[in-house]
């Protein structure tokens, strides 16, 4: 993974995500990227902002939206993803401002998706590694993405990961075995709050 972020840059984007969501929820406004943003955060990158509720002392997804491809400068993408995760994730009702003290923000910066080419679809399992790769499955007009941390947190193996990514796309679980289905992999640098508005650390993921 050639693209890297320092601890300071990671803290910056997580704080930016929280501030963007807070500004939108409290004022109905969209933050602008500051002129003094670190230069690396002006590079185009894919990114997802995940919001987890910790109200009951365990993480429960509250919103997750982002940019799969490097089409937008990172800082701008973080702002837009944070607002969308807080207010436009179709799986959840929009967040209320009062919830900001009950959630933690996690920002995943993605490498460009790489198409996996195999002769036999069964070989997809050997081309992905749980704890390292995220997946995108595409078939006809359907597309589903799962971040690298998801299979680790849920205890999936590679085959289950592929099946669940198909389900995320609205497809039957075994669609990855069908001719015409496209599978892409990517990696991610992840920074997260350890508590609401608290310490920010890099998230290390592994299936070991």
Protein backbone atom coordinates (compact mmCIF):
# COMPACT_ATOMS: atom_id res chain seq x y z
CA UNK A 1 0.00 0.00 0.00
CA UNK A 2 2.03 3.02 -1.24
CA UNK A 3 -0.36 5.65 0.11
CA UNK A 4 0.11 6.15 3.85
CA UNK A 5 -1.15 8.54 6.52
CA UNK A 6 0.64 9.72 9.63
CA UNK A 7 -1.03 9.61 13.02
CA UNK A 8 -1.58 13.37 12.80
CA UNK A 9 -3.22 13.08 9.37
CA UNK A 10 -5.39 10.24 10.64
CA UNK A 11 -6.52 12.31 13.60
CA UNK A 12 -7.25 15.20 11.26
CA UNK A 13 -9.62 13.24 9.01
CA UNK A 14 -11.51 11.63 11.91
CA UNK A 15 -11.98 15.00 13.60
CA UNK A 16 -13.00 16.42 10.22
CA UNK A 17 -15.64 13.70 9.83
CA UNK A 18 -17.12 14.41 13.25
CA UNK A 19 -17.08 18.18 12.71
CA UNK A 20 -18.72 17.85 9.29
CA UNK A 21 -21.51 15.69 10.70
CA UNK A 22 -21.97 17.99 13.70
CA UNK A 23 -22.11 21.13 11.54
CA UNK A 24 -24.71 19.55 9.29
CA UNK A 25 -26.86 18.15 12.10
CA UNK A 26 -26.81 21.31 14.21
CA UNK A 27 -26.80 24.01 11.55
CA UNK A 28 -27.90 22.31 8.34
CA UNK A 29 -24.67 23.53 6.75
CA UNK A 30 -21.92 21.87 4.73
CA UNK A 31 -18.37 22.53 5.89
CA UNK A 32 -15.83 23.84 3.45
CA UNK A 33 -12.33 22.40 3.22
CA UNK A 34 -9.94 24.67 5.09
CA UNK A 35 -7.13 26.31 3.14
CA UNK A 36 -4.51 24.90 5.53
CA UNK A 37 -5.55 21.26 5.01
CA UNK A 38 -2.48 18.95 4.86
CA UNK A 39 -1.35 18.52 1.26
CA UNK A 40 -1.81 14.74 1.32
CA UNK A 41 -5.50 15.24 2.05
CA UNK A 42 -5.86 17.11 -1.24
CA UNK A 43 -5.08 13.92 -3.16
CA UNK A 44 -7.98 12.02 -4.68
CA UNK A 45 -8.82 8.92 -2.64
CA UNK A 46 -11.67 6.55 -2.03
CA UNK A 47 -12.97 6.83 1.53
CA UNK A 48 -15.76 5.57 3.75
CA UNK A 49 -16.99 7.11 7.00
CA UNK A 50 -18.52 4.64 9.45
CA UNK A 51 -20.54 5.82 12.45
CA UNK A 52 -21.05 3.33 15.28
CA UNK A 53 -23.36 3.78 18.25
CA UNK A 54 -21.78 2.93 21.61
CA UNK A 55 -24.82 3.77 23.70
CA UNK A 56 -25.11 0.21 24.97
CA UNK A 57 -21.34 -0.21 25.42
CA UNK A 58 -21.00 -2.20 22.21
CA UNK A 59 -20.53 -1.02 18.66
CA UNK A 60 -23.71 -0.97 16.61
CA UNK A 61 -23.67 0.42 13.08
CA UNK A 62 -25.42 3.78 12.74
CA UNK A 63 -24.31 4.75 9.24
CA UNK A 64 -21.66 3.99 6.61
CA UNK A 65 -21.34 5.72 3.24
CA UNK A 66 -18.42 6.75 1.09
CA UNK A 67 -16.59 6.93 -2.21
CA UNK A 68 -15.33 3.56 -3.53
CA UNK A 69 -13.11 5.16 -6.18
CA UNK A 70 -10.51 7.98 -6.04
CA UNK A 71 -12.67 10.62 -7.70
CA UNK A 72 -12.64 13.35 -5.03
CA UNK A 73 -9.93 15.06 -2.91
CA UNK A 74 -9.70 13.16 0.38
CA UNK A 75 -10.70 16.00 2.73
CA UNK A 76 -13.74 16.86 0.62
CA UNK A 77 -14.69 13.20 0.35
CA UNK A 78 -14.51 12.83 4.13
CA UNK A 79 -16.85 15.80 4.63
CA UNK A 80 -19.39 14.53 2.12
CA UNK A 81 -19.21 10.94 3.39
CA UNK A 82 -19.64 11.99 7.03
CA UNK A 83 -22.73 14.03 6.23
CA UNK A 84 -24.22 11.23 4.15
CA UNK A 85 -23.46 8.60 6.81
CA UNK A 86 -25.16 10.70 9.47
CA UNK A 87 -28.21 11.71 7.48
CA UNK A 88 -28.67 9.68 4.29
CA UNK A 89 -27.87 6.02 4.96
CA UNK A 90 -31.11 4.36 3.76
CA UNK A 91 -30.78 1.61 6.37
CA UNK A 92 -31.26 4.02 9.26
CA UNK A 93 -33.24 7.08 10.24
CA UNK A 94 -31.23 10.33 10.09
CA UNK A 95 -29.12 10.98 13.17
CA UNK A 96 -30.20 13.59 15.68
CA UNK A 97 -27.65 16.09 17.00
CA UNK A 98 -28.11 14.66 20.52
CA UNK A 99 -26.67 11.35 19.31
CA UNK A 100 -23.24 12.83 18.66
CA UNK A 101 -22.23 12.07 22.25
CA UNK A 102 -23.24 8.42 21.78
CA UNK A 103 -21.35 7.55 18.59
CA UNK A 104 -17.77 7.03 17.41
CA UNK A 105 -16.45 7.93 13.97
CA UNK A 106 -14.24 5.65 11.87
CA UNK A 107 -12.62 6.71 8.59
CA UNK A 108 -11.33 4.16 6.06
CA UNK A 109 -9.10 5.50 3.28
CA UNK A 110 -9.11 3.08 0.34
CA UNK A 111 -6.57 2.05 -2.25
CA UNK A 112 -7.95 2.08 -5.82
CA UNK A 113 -10.04 -1.08 -6.42
CA UNK A 114 -8.16 -3.78 -8.37
CA UNK A 115 -10.01 -6.20 -10.63
CA UNK A 116 -9.36 -9.86 -9.76
CA UNK A 117 -8.94 -11.94 -12.90
CA UNK A 118 -9.35 -15.73 -12.58
CA UNK A 119 -9.99 -18.60 -14.99
CA UNK A 120 -12.20 -20.43 -12.49
CA UNK A 121 -14.43 -18.43 -10.12
CA UNK A 122 -13.55 -20.88 -7.32
CA UNK A 123 -10.08 -19.31 -7.41
CA UNK A 124 -11.41 -16.00 -6.07
CA UNK A 125 -11.04 -17.40 -2.54
CA UNK A 126 -7.28 -17.77 -2.99
CA UNK A 127 -6.94 -14.24 -4.35
CA UNK A 128 -8.39 -12.44 -1.33
CA UNK A 129 -7.27 -12.39 2.29
CA UNK A 130 -9.58 -11.70 5.21
CA UNK A 131 -7.93 -9.06 7.37
CA UNK A 132 -6.29 -7.37 4.41
CA UNK A 133 -8.75 -6.91 1.55
CA UNK A 134 -12.10 -5.25 1.10
CA UNK A 135 -14.34 -6.38 -1.73
CA UNK A 136 -16.57 -4.97 -4.44
CA UNK A 137 -18.87 -7.34 -6.35
CA UNK A 138 -20.56 -6.13 -9.54
CA UNK A 139 -23.10 -7.90 -11.73
CA UNK A 140 -25.35 -6.21 -14.31
CA UNK A 141 -26.58 -3.05 -12.55
CA UNK A 142 -25.94 -4.36 -9.02
CA UNK A 143 -22.91 -3.49 -6.91
CA UNK A 144 -21.96 -4.20 -3.30
CA UNK A 145 -18.96 -3.16 -1.21
CA UNK A 146 -17.71 -4.44 2.13
CA UNK A 147 -14.76 -2.88 3.96
CA UNK A 148 -11.79 -5.03 5.10
CA UNK A 149 -12.74 -4.83 8.78
CA UNK A 150 -16.22 -6.30 8.25
CA UNK A 151 -15.33 -10.00 7.77
CA UNK A 152 -12.85 -9.83 10.65
CA UNK A 153 -15.43 -8.35 13.03
CA UNK A 154 -18.04 -10.94 11.98
CA UNK A 155 -15.73 -13.96 11.82
CA UNK A 156 -16.18 -14.75 8.13
CA UNK A 157 -13.86 -16.80 5.95
CA UNK A 158 -13.08 -15.83 2.35
CA UNK A 159 -15.99 -17.74 0.83
CA UNK A 160 -18.50 -16.25 3.27
CA UNK A 161 -17.02 -12.83 2.58
CA UNK A 162 -17.69 -13.23 -1.15
CA UNK A 163 -21.22 -14.51 -0.51
CA UNK A 164 -22.06 -11.66 1.85
CA UNK A 165 -20.70 -9.08 -0.59
CA UNK A 166 -23.09 -10.51 -3.20
CA UNK A 167 -25.95 -10.17 -0.72
CA UNK A 168 -24.90 -6.57 -0.08
CA UNK A 169 -25.26 -6.00 -3.84
CA UNK A 170 -28.78 -7.41 -3.75
CA UNK A 171 -27.69 -10.60 -5.49
CA UNK A 172 -28.01 -14.29 -4.54
CA UNK A 173 -25.07 -15.35 -2.31
CA UNK A 174 -23.47 -17.59 -4.95
CA UNK A 175 -23.47 -14.95 -7.70
CA UNK A 176 -19.67 -14.64 -7.49
CA UNK A 177 -19.48 -18.08 -9.11
CA UNK A 178 -21.41 -16.99 -12.21
CA UNK A 179 -19.84 -15.90 -15.46
CA UNK A 180 -20.11 -12.14 -15.89
CA UNK A 181 -19.76 -11.26 -12.21
CA UNK A 182 -16.83 -8.93 -11.53
CA UNK A 183 -14.91 -9.00 -8.25
CA UNK A 184 -12.54 -6.25 -7.13
CA UNK A 185 -10.33 -6.03 -4.05
CA UNK A 186 -8.82 -3.08 -2.21
CA UNK A 187 -7.02 -2.27 1.02
CA UNK A 188 -7.69 0.43 3.59
CA UNK A 189 -5.97 2.62 6.16
CA UNK A 190 -8.39 2.99 9.06
CA UNK A 191 -8.48 5.49 11.92
CA UNK A 192 -11.15 5.48 14.62
CA UNK A 193 -12.26 7.18 17.81
CA UNK A 194 -11.90 4.97 20.88
CA UNK A 195 -14.79 6.85 22.55
CA UNK A 196 -17.15 9.65 21.47
CA UNK A 197 -14.96 12.66 20.69
CA UNK A 198 -12.09 10.83 22.37
CA UNK A 199 -8.67 9.45 21.50
CA UNK A 200 -8.08 8.53 17.87
CA UNK A 201 -5.98 5.53 16.90
CA UNK A 202 -5.11 3.58 13.80
CA UNK A 203 -7.20 0.44 13.57
CA UNK A 204 -5.22 -2.71 12.88
CA UNK A 205 -7.24 -5.55 11.41
CA UNK A 206 -6.25 -9.19 11.24
CA UNK A 207 -8.03 -12.51 11.02
CA UNK A 208 -5.48 -14.22 13.21
